[in-house]
Amino acid sequence: MHFEIPADQPERAAKFYREMFGWNINRWENPGGMEYWMVETVPTDAEGRPVRQGVNGGLMPRMFPGQAPVNYIAVADLDESVAKAERLGAKVLMGRTPVPGMGWFAQLADTEGNVIAVWQTDMSAGVEGAGVEQADGAAT
């Protein structure tokens, strides 16, 4: 449902992908948050969902050497999916994390060491008064 491309120079990478594929890439206005660029490979509706078949994503500064792109897969229940992945041999790299007003994600290493992420849409994620995350990942 989403991909992320790490880049040493996001502006240079954005220029490359715009010119190479005609993608619409714009820096996300995220005051106080991390630098992030929204990548539209296909047009979206008012809620940011693709209006035709395709996958949109993001571009961000590389956080560590060798950081690879990550594909996000939509799931109905994030916690259930993480638990299932662990039972199947995956390792949790980043536990349940909110993207305020959008949803929750967790990053995993599959049985081959590939990084994948699972995503659960929840517009109340990380919004003040919508529940506080505890160390065990349960909302209160």
N, C-alpha and C. Protein backbone atom coordinates (compact mmCIF):
# COMPACT_ATOMS: atom_id res chain seq x y z
N MET A 1 0.80 -1.20 0.00
CA MET A 1 0.00 0.00 0.00
C MET A 1 0.84 1.25 0.00
N HIS A 2 2.16 1.14 0.29
CA HIS A 2 3.04 2.31 0.41
C HIS A 2 4.48 1.82 0.31
N PHE A 3 5.35 2.66 -0.19
CA PHE A 3 6.78 2.35 -0.21
C PHE A 3 7.55 3.56 0.30
N GLU A 4 8.76 3.32 0.79
CA GLU A 4 9.64 4.41 1.21
C GLU A 4 11.01 4.21 0.59
N ILE A 5 11.54 5.29 0.04
CA ILE A 5 12.86 5.26 -0.58
C ILE A 5 13.78 6.16 0.25
N PRO A 6 14.85 5.59 0.82
CA PRO A 6 15.83 6.43 1.53
C PRO A 6 16.77 7.08 0.53
N ALA A 7 17.24 8.28 0.84
CA ALA A 7 18.13 9.00 -0.08
C ALA A 7 19.15 9.80 0.70
N ASP A 8 20.38 9.83 0.18
CA ASP A 8 21.41 10.67 0.78
C ASP A 8 21.08 12.14 0.58
N GLN A 9 20.51 12.46 -0.59
CA GLN A 9 20.09 13.83 -0.90
C GLN A 9 18.66 13.77 -1.46
N PRO A 10 17.66 13.90 -0.58
CA PRO A 10 16.27 13.77 -1.02
C PRO A 10 15.88 14.65 -2.21
N GLU A 11 16.37 15.89 -2.24
CA GLU A 11 16.02 16.77 -3.36
C GLU A 11 16.56 16.21 -4.68
N ARG A 12 17.78 15.67 -4.64
CA ARG A 12 18.37 15.07 -5.84
C ARG A 12 17.56 13.84 -6.26
N ALA A 13 17.19 13.00 -5.28
CA ALA A 13 16.40 11.80 -5.58
C ALA A 13 15.03 12.18 -6.13
N ALA A 14 14.39 13.19 -5.53
CA ALA A 14 13.07 13.63 -6.01
C ALA A 14 13.16 14.08 -7.46
N LYS A 15 14.21 14.84 -7.80
CA LYS A 15 14.41 15.30 -9.18
C LYS A 15 14.57 14.09 -10.11
N PHE A 16 15.36 13.11 -9.71
CA PHE A 16 15.56 11.92 -10.53
C PHE A 16 14.23 11.23 -10.82
N TYR A 17 13.44 10.92 -9.76
CA TYR A 17 12.19 10.18 -9.95
C TYR A 17 11.14 10.99 -10.69
N ARG A 18 11.12 12.30 -10.48
CA ARG A 18 10.20 13.15 -11.26
C ARG A 18 10.51 13.02 -12.74
N GLU A 19 11.80 13.19 -13.07
CA GLU A 19 12.19 13.18 -14.47
C GLU A 19 12.15 11.79 -15.09
N MET A 20 12.49 10.77 -14.31
CA MET A 20 12.52 9.40 -14.82
C MET A 20 11.12 8.86 -15.10
N PHE A 21 10.20 9.04 -14.13
CA PHE A 21 8.88 8.43 -14.23
C PHE A 21 7.72 9.41 -14.28
N GLY A 22 7.99 10.70 -14.14
CA GLY A 22 6.91 11.69 -14.13
C GLY A 22 6.11 11.71 -12.85
N TRP A 23 6.71 11.18 -11.76
CA TRP A 23 6.02 11.14 -10.48
C TRP A 23 5.87 12.55 -9.90
N ASN A 24 4.79 12.76 -9.17
CA ASN A 24 4.55 14.01 -8.45
C ASN A 24 5.16 13.85 -7.06
N ILE A 25 6.20 14.60 -6.75
CA ILE A 25 6.90 14.47 -5.47
C ILE A 25 6.99 15.83 -4.82
N ASN A 26 6.45 15.93 -3.60
CA ASN A 26 6.45 17.20 -2.87
C ASN A 26 6.85 16.98 -1.43
N ARG A 27 7.62 17.93 -0.91
CA ARG A 27 8.03 17.86 0.48
C ARG A 27 6.79 18.04 1.36
N TRP A 28 6.65 17.15 2.35
CA TRP A 28 5.53 17.18 3.27
C TRP A 28 5.79 18.25 4.30
N GLU A 29 4.85 19.14 4.48
CA GLU A 29 4.97 20.17 5.50
C GLU A 29 4.66 19.54 6.84
N ASN A 30 5.69 19.28 7.61
CA ASN A 30 5.59 18.54 8.86
C ASN A 30 6.38 19.31 9.93
N PRO A 31 5.85 20.47 10.37
CA PRO A 31 6.60 21.31 11.31
C PRO A 31 7.07 20.52 12.53
N GLY A 32 8.38 20.58 12.78
CA GLY A 32 8.95 19.89 13.94
C GLY A 32 9.15 18.41 13.74
N GLY A 33 8.67 17.85 12.63
CA GLY A 33 8.80 16.42 12.38
C GLY A 33 9.96 16.14 11.44
N MET A 34 10.12 14.87 11.11
CA MET A 34 11.21 14.50 10.22
C MET A 34 10.97 14.98 8.79
N GLU A 35 12.05 15.18 8.05
CA GLU A 35 11.95 15.55 6.65
C GLU A 35 11.36 14.37 5.88
N TYR A 36 10.33 14.63 5.08
CA TYR A 36 9.66 13.56 4.36
C TYR A 36 9.06 14.13 3.09
N TRP A 37 9.14 13.39 2.03
CA TRP A 37 8.62 13.79 0.73
C TRP A 37 7.54 12.80 0.31
N MET A 38 6.36 13.29 -0.05
CA MET A 38 5.27 12.43 -0.51
C MET A 38 5.46 12.15 -2.00
N VAL A 39 5.35 10.87 -2.38
CA VAL A 39 5.54 10.45 -3.77
C VAL A 39 4.22 9.92 -4.30
N GLU A 40 3.71 10.57 -5.35
CA GLU A 40 2.50 10.10 -6.02
C GLU A 40 2.89 9.52 -7.37
N THR A 41 2.74 8.20 -7.50
CA THR A 41 2.98 7.55 -8.79
C THR A 41 1.68 7.51 -9.58
N VAL A 42 0.56 7.65 -8.87
CA VAL A 42 -0.77 7.72 -9.49
C VAL A 42 -1.55 8.82 -8.75
N PRO A 43 -2.54 9.44 -9.40
CA PRO A 43 -3.33 10.48 -8.76
C PRO A 43 -4.08 9.95 -7.53
N THR A 44 -4.40 10.86 -6.59
CA THR A 44 -5.10 10.48 -5.37
C THR A 44 -6.38 11.30 -5.19
N ASP A 45 -7.27 10.76 -4.34
CA ASP A 45 -8.50 11.48 -4.00
C ASP A 45 -8.22 12.43 -2.83
N ALA A 46 -9.27 13.05 -2.31
CA ALA A 46 -9.11 14.02 -1.22
C ALA A 46 -8.51 13.41 0.05
N GLU A 47 -8.68 12.10 0.24
CA GLU A 47 -8.12 11.42 1.42
C GLU A 47 -6.71 10.88 1.16
N GLY A 48 -6.17 11.12 -0.04
CA GLY A 48 -4.83 10.66 -0.35
C GLY A 48 -4.73 9.24 -0.86
N ARG A 49 -5.87 8.61 -1.18
CA ARG A 49 -5.88 7.24 -1.70
C ARG A 49 -5.79 7.26 -3.22
N PRO A 50 -5.06 6.31 -3.82
CA PRO A 50 -4.97 6.26 -5.28
C PRO A 50 -6.36 6.12 -5.91
N VAL A 51 -6.60 6.87 -7.00
CA VAL A 51 -7.89 6.80 -7.69
C VAL A 51 -7.90 5.73 -8.78
N ARG A 52 -6.73 5.17 -9.08
CA ARG A 52 -6.63 4.04 -10.00
C ARG A 52 -5.54 3.13 -9.48
N GLN A 53 -5.42 1.96 -10.07
CA GLN A 53 -4.46 0.99 -9.58
C GLN A 53 -3.06 1.59 -9.54
N GLY A 54 -2.39 1.37 -8.43
CA GLY A 54 -1.03 1.88 -8.25
C GLY A 54 -0.70 2.01 -6.78
N VAL A 55 0.55 2.29 -6.48
CA VAL A 55 1.01 2.43 -5.11
C VAL A 55 1.80 3.72 -5.00
N ASN A 56 1.47 4.53 -4.04
CA ASN A 56 2.21 5.76 -3.77
C ASN A 56 3.15 5.54 -2.61
N GLY A 57 4.00 6.49 -2.34
CA GLY A 57 4.96 6.28 -1.28
C GLY A 57 5.59 7.55 -0.76
N GLY A 58 6.79 7.38 -0.24
CA GLY A 58 7.51 8.49 0.34
C GLY A 58 9.00 8.39 0.07
N LEU A 59 9.66 9.49 0.30
CA LEU A 59 11.10 9.58 0.13
C LEU A 59 11.61 10.32 1.36
N MET A 60 12.73 9.88 1.92
CA MET A 60 13.20 10.48 3.16
C MET A 60 14.73 10.43 3.21
N PRO A 61 15.33 11.23 4.08
CA PRO A 61 16.78 11.14 4.23
C PRO A 61 17.18 9.76 4.73
N ARG A 62 18.27 9.23 4.18
CA ARG A 62 18.79 7.94 4.62
C ARG A 62 19.21 8.07 6.09
N MET A 63 18.77 7.11 6.91
CA MET A 63 19.05 7.17 8.35
C MET A 63 20.29 6.41 8.75
N PHE A 64 20.75 5.46 7.92
CA PHE A 64 21.95 4.70 8.21
C PHE A 64 22.50 4.12 6.91
N PRO A 65 23.81 3.87 6.83
CA PRO A 65 24.40 3.31 5.60
C PRO A 65 23.72 2.00 5.22
N GLY A 66 23.47 1.85 3.93
CA GLY A 66 22.89 0.61 3.43
C GLY A 66 21.39 0.49 3.64
N GLN A 67 20.75 1.53 4.15
CA GLN A 67 19.30 1.47 4.37
C GLN A 67 18.59 1.20 3.04
N ALA A 68 17.77 0.18 3.02
CA ALA A 68 17.07 -0.23 1.81
C ALA A 68 15.65 0.33 1.78
N PRO A 69 15.04 0.40 0.59
CA PRO A 69 13.62 0.78 0.51
C PRO A 69 12.77 -0.21 1.31
N VAL A 70 11.62 0.26 1.79
CA VAL A 70 10.71 -0.56 2.58
C VAL A 70 9.33 -0.52 1.93
N ASN A 71 8.71 -1.70 1.80
CA ASN A 71 7.34 -1.80 1.32
C ASN A 71 6.41 -1.98 2.51
N TYR A 72 5.31 -1.24 2.51
CA TYR A 72 4.30 -1.31 3.56
C TYR A 72 3.10 -2.08 3.04
N ILE A 73 2.61 -3.02 3.86
CA ILE A 73 1.46 -3.84 3.49
C ILE A 73 0.32 -3.53 4.46
N ALA A 74 -0.86 -3.22 3.93
CA ALA A 74 -2.02 -2.90 4.76
C ALA A 74 -2.55 -4.16 5.42
N VAL A 75 -2.87 -4.06 6.71
CA VAL A 75 -3.45 -5.17 7.47
C VAL A 75 -4.64 -4.65 8.26
N ALA A 76 -5.54 -5.55 8.62
CA ALA A 76 -6.72 -5.17 9.40
C ALA A 76 -6.38 -4.94 10.86
N ASP A 77 -5.45 -5.73 11.40
CA ASP A 77 -5.10 -5.65 12.82
C ASP A 77 -3.58 -5.72 12.95
N LEU A 78 -2.97 -4.59 13.26
CA LEU A 78 -1.51 -4.50 13.34
C LEU A 78 -0.93 -5.46 14.36
N ASP A 79 -1.46 -5.45 15.57
CA ASP A 79 -0.91 -6.29 16.63
C ASP A 79 -1.01 -7.78 16.29
N GLU A 80 -2.13 -8.19 15.73
CA GLU A 80 -2.32 -9.58 15.33
C GLU A 80 -1.33 -9.96 14.23
N SER A 81 -1.12 -9.05 13.28
CA SER A 81 -0.19 -9.32 12.18
C SER A 81 1.25 -9.42 12.66
N VAL A 82 1.64 -8.56 13.59
CA VAL A 82 3.00 -8.61 14.13
C VAL A 82 3.21 -9.93 14.88
N ALA A 83 2.23 -10.31 15.68
CA ALA A 83 2.33 -11.58 16.42
C ALA A 83 2.43 -12.77 15.46
N LYS A 84 1.64 -12.75 14.41
CA LYS A 84 1.69 -13.84 13.42
C LYS A 84 3.05 -13.88 12.73
N ALA A 85 3.56 -12.71 12.35
CA ALA A 85 4.87 -12.65 11.70
C ALA A 85 5.95 -13.23 12.60
N GLU A 86 5.90 -12.89 13.89
CA GLU A 86 6.88 -13.44 14.83
C GLU A 86 6.76 -14.96 14.92
N ARG A 87 5.53 -15.47 14.96
CA ARG A 87 5.34 -16.93 15.00
C ARG A 87 5.94 -17.61 13.76
N LEU A 88 5.92 -16.89 12.65
CA LEU A 88 6.43 -17.44 11.39
C LEU A 88 7.93 -17.22 11.22
N GLY A 89 8.58 -16.59 12.19
CA GLY A 89 10.03 -16.42 12.15
C GLY A 89 10.54 -15.02 11.88
N ALA A 90 9.66 -14.03 11.77
CA ALA A 90 10.10 -12.65 11.56
C ALA A 90 10.62 -12.06 12.87
N LYS A 91 11.43 -11.02 12.74
CA LYS A 91 11.93 -10.28 13.90
C LYS A 91 11.36 -8.87 13.85
N VAL A 92 10.91 -8.36 14.99
CA VAL A 92 10.38 -7.00 15.05
C VAL A 92 11.56 -6.04 15.13
N LEU A 93 11.64 -5.13 14.17
CA LEU A 93 12.70 -4.13 14.16
C LEU A 93 12.23 -2.83 14.80
N MET A 94 10.96 -2.49 14.57
CA MET A 94 10.36 -1.30 15.16
C MET A 94 8.92 -1.67 15.49
N GLY A 95 8.59 -1.65 16.77
CA GLY A 95 7.25 -2.02 17.20
C GLY A 95 6.20 -1.00 16.81
N ARG A 96 5.00 -1.23 17.25
CA ARG A 96 3.82 -0.38 16.97
C ARG A 96 4.17 1.09 17.15
N THR A 97 4.07 1.85 16.05
CA THR A 97 4.45 3.26 16.03
C THR A 97 3.34 4.07 15.37
N PRO A 98 2.91 5.18 15.99
CA PRO A 98 1.85 5.97 15.37
C PRO A 98 2.38 6.93 14.30
N VAL A 99 1.55 7.17 13.30
CA VAL A 99 1.71 8.29 12.39
C VAL A 99 0.46 9.12 12.68
N PRO A 100 0.62 10.19 13.47
CA PRO A 100 -0.55 10.93 13.97
C PRO A 100 -1.57 11.28 12.89
N GLY A 101 -2.82 10.93 13.20
CA GLY A 101 -3.93 11.22 12.31
C GLY A 101 -4.03 10.33 11.09
N MET A 102 -3.16 9.31 10.99
CA MET A 102 -3.18 8.44 9.82
C MET A 102 -3.28 6.96 10.18
N GLY A 103 -2.42 6.48 11.07
CA GLY A 103 -2.45 5.06 11.40
C GLY A 103 -1.24 4.62 12.19
N TRP A 104 -1.04 3.31 12.23
CA TRP A 104 0.04 2.67 12.99
C TRP A 104 0.86 1.80 12.06
N PHE A 105 2.15 1.68 12.34
CA PHE A 105 2.97 0.75 11.58
C PHE A 105 3.96 0.05 12.49
N ALA A 106 4.48 -1.05 12.00
CA ALA A 106 5.58 -1.77 12.65
C ALA A 106 6.47 -2.26 11.52
N GLN A 107 7.79 -2.26 11.76
CA GLN A 107 8.72 -2.78 10.76
C GLN A 107 9.27 -4.11 11.24
N LEU A 108 9.39 -5.03 10.30
CA LEU A 108 9.81 -6.40 10.58
C LEU A 108 10.93 -6.82 9.64
N ALA A 109 11.73 -7.77 10.06
CA ALA A 109 12.67 -8.44 9.16
C ALA A 109 12.06 -9.82 8.91
N ASP A 110 11.83 -10.15 7.63
CA ASP A 110 11.25 -11.45 7.31
C ASP A 110 12.30 -12.55 7.53
N THR A 111 11.95 -13.77 7.21
CA THR A 111 12.86 -14.90 7.45
C THR A 111 14.13 -14.82 6.61
N GLU A 112 14.14 -13.96 5.57
CA GLU A 112 15.32 -13.81 4.72
C GLU A 112 16.10 -12.54 5.03
N GLY A 113 15.65 -11.79 6.05
CA GLY A 113 16.33 -10.55 6.43
C GLY A 113 15.84 -9.31 5.71
N ASN A 114 14.81 -9.44 4.85
CA ASN A 114 14.25 -8.28 4.16
C ASN A 114 13.38 -7.48 5.12
N VAL A 115 13.47 -6.17 5.03
CA VAL A 115 12.64 -5.32 5.88
C VAL A 115 11.31 -5.08 5.18
N ILE A 116 10.22 -5.34 5.91
CA ILE A 116 8.87 -5.03 5.45
C ILE A 116 8.17 -4.29 6.59
N ALA A 117 7.09 -3.65 6.28
CA ALA A 117 6.31 -2.97 7.31
C ALA A 117 4.85 -3.34 7.14
N VAL A 118 4.15 -3.43 8.26
CA VAL A 118 2.70 -3.62 8.24
C VAL A 118 2.06 -2.33 8.71
N TRP A 119 0.91 -2.01 8.13
CA TRP A 119 0.24 -0.73 8.37
C TRP A 119 -1.23 -0.96 8.66
N GLN A 120 -1.72 -0.29 9.71
CA GLN A 120 -3.15 -0.30 10.03
C GLN A 120 -3.64 1.14 10.02
N THR A 121 -4.58 1.46 9.15
CA THR A 121 -5.14 2.80 9.10
C THR A 121 -5.99 3.05 10.34
N ASP A 122 -5.77 4.20 10.98
CA ASP A 122 -6.53 4.61 12.17
C ASP A 122 -6.33 6.11 12.31
N MET A 123 -7.34 6.86 11.90
CA MET A 123 -7.23 8.32 11.91
C MET A 123 -7.01 8.90 13.31
N SER A 124 -7.29 8.11 14.37
CA SER A 124 -7.09 8.61 15.73
C SER A 124 -5.70 8.26 16.27
N ALA A 125 -4.88 7.58 15.49
CA ALA A 125 -3.54 7.18 15.94
C ALA A 125 -2.71 8.39 16.34
N GLY A 126 -2.14 8.30 17.53
CA GLY A 126 -1.23 9.34 17.99
C GLY A 126 -1.87 10.68 18.25
N VAL A 127 -3.20 10.77 18.18
CA VAL A 127 -3.89 12.03 18.43
C VAL A 127 -4.14 12.15 19.92
N GLU A 128 -3.80 13.29 20.48
CA GLU A 128 -3.97 13.50 21.92
C GLU A 128 -5.39 13.20 22.35
N GLY A 129 -5.52 12.43 23.41
CA GLY A 129 -6.83 12.06 23.95
C GLY A 129 -7.40 10.81 23.31
N ALA A 130 -6.70 10.24 22.29
CA ALA A 130 -7.21 9.05 21.61
C ALA A 130 -6.61 7.78 22.17
N GLY A 131 -5.89 7.90 23.27
CA GLY A 131 -5.25 6.72 23.86
C GLY A 131 -3.75 6.94 23.94
N VAL A 132 -3.16 6.47 24.99
CA VAL A 132 -1.72 6.63 25.19
C VAL A 132 -1.07 5.26 25.03
N GLU A 133 0.01 5.21 24.29
CA GLU A 133 0.72 3.95 24.10
C GLU A 133 1.45 3.56 25.36
N GLN A 134 1.35 2.30 25.72
CA GLN A 134 2.08 1.75 26.83
C GLN A 134 3.28 0.99 26.29
N ALA A 135 4.20 0.62 27.15
CA ALA A 135 5.39 -0.11 26.71
C ALA A 135 5.04 -1.40 26.01
N ASP A 136 3.92 -2.03 26.36
CA ASP A 136 3.55 -3.30 25.73
C ASP A 136 2.80 -3.10 24.42
N GLY A 137 2.60 -1.81 24.01
CA GLY A 137 1.95 -1.54 22.74
C GLY A 137 0.44 -1.42 22.84
N ALA A 138 -0.13 -1.63 24.01
CA ALA A 138 -1.58 -1.54 24.18
C ALA A 138 -1.98 -0.09 24.41
N ALA A 139 -3.06 0.32 23.79
CA ALA A 139 -3.55 1.69 24.00
C ALA A 139 -4.45 1.69 25.24
N THR A 140 -4.42 2.82 25.92
CA THR A 140 -5.29 2.98 27.09
C THR A 140 -6.34 4.03 26.80
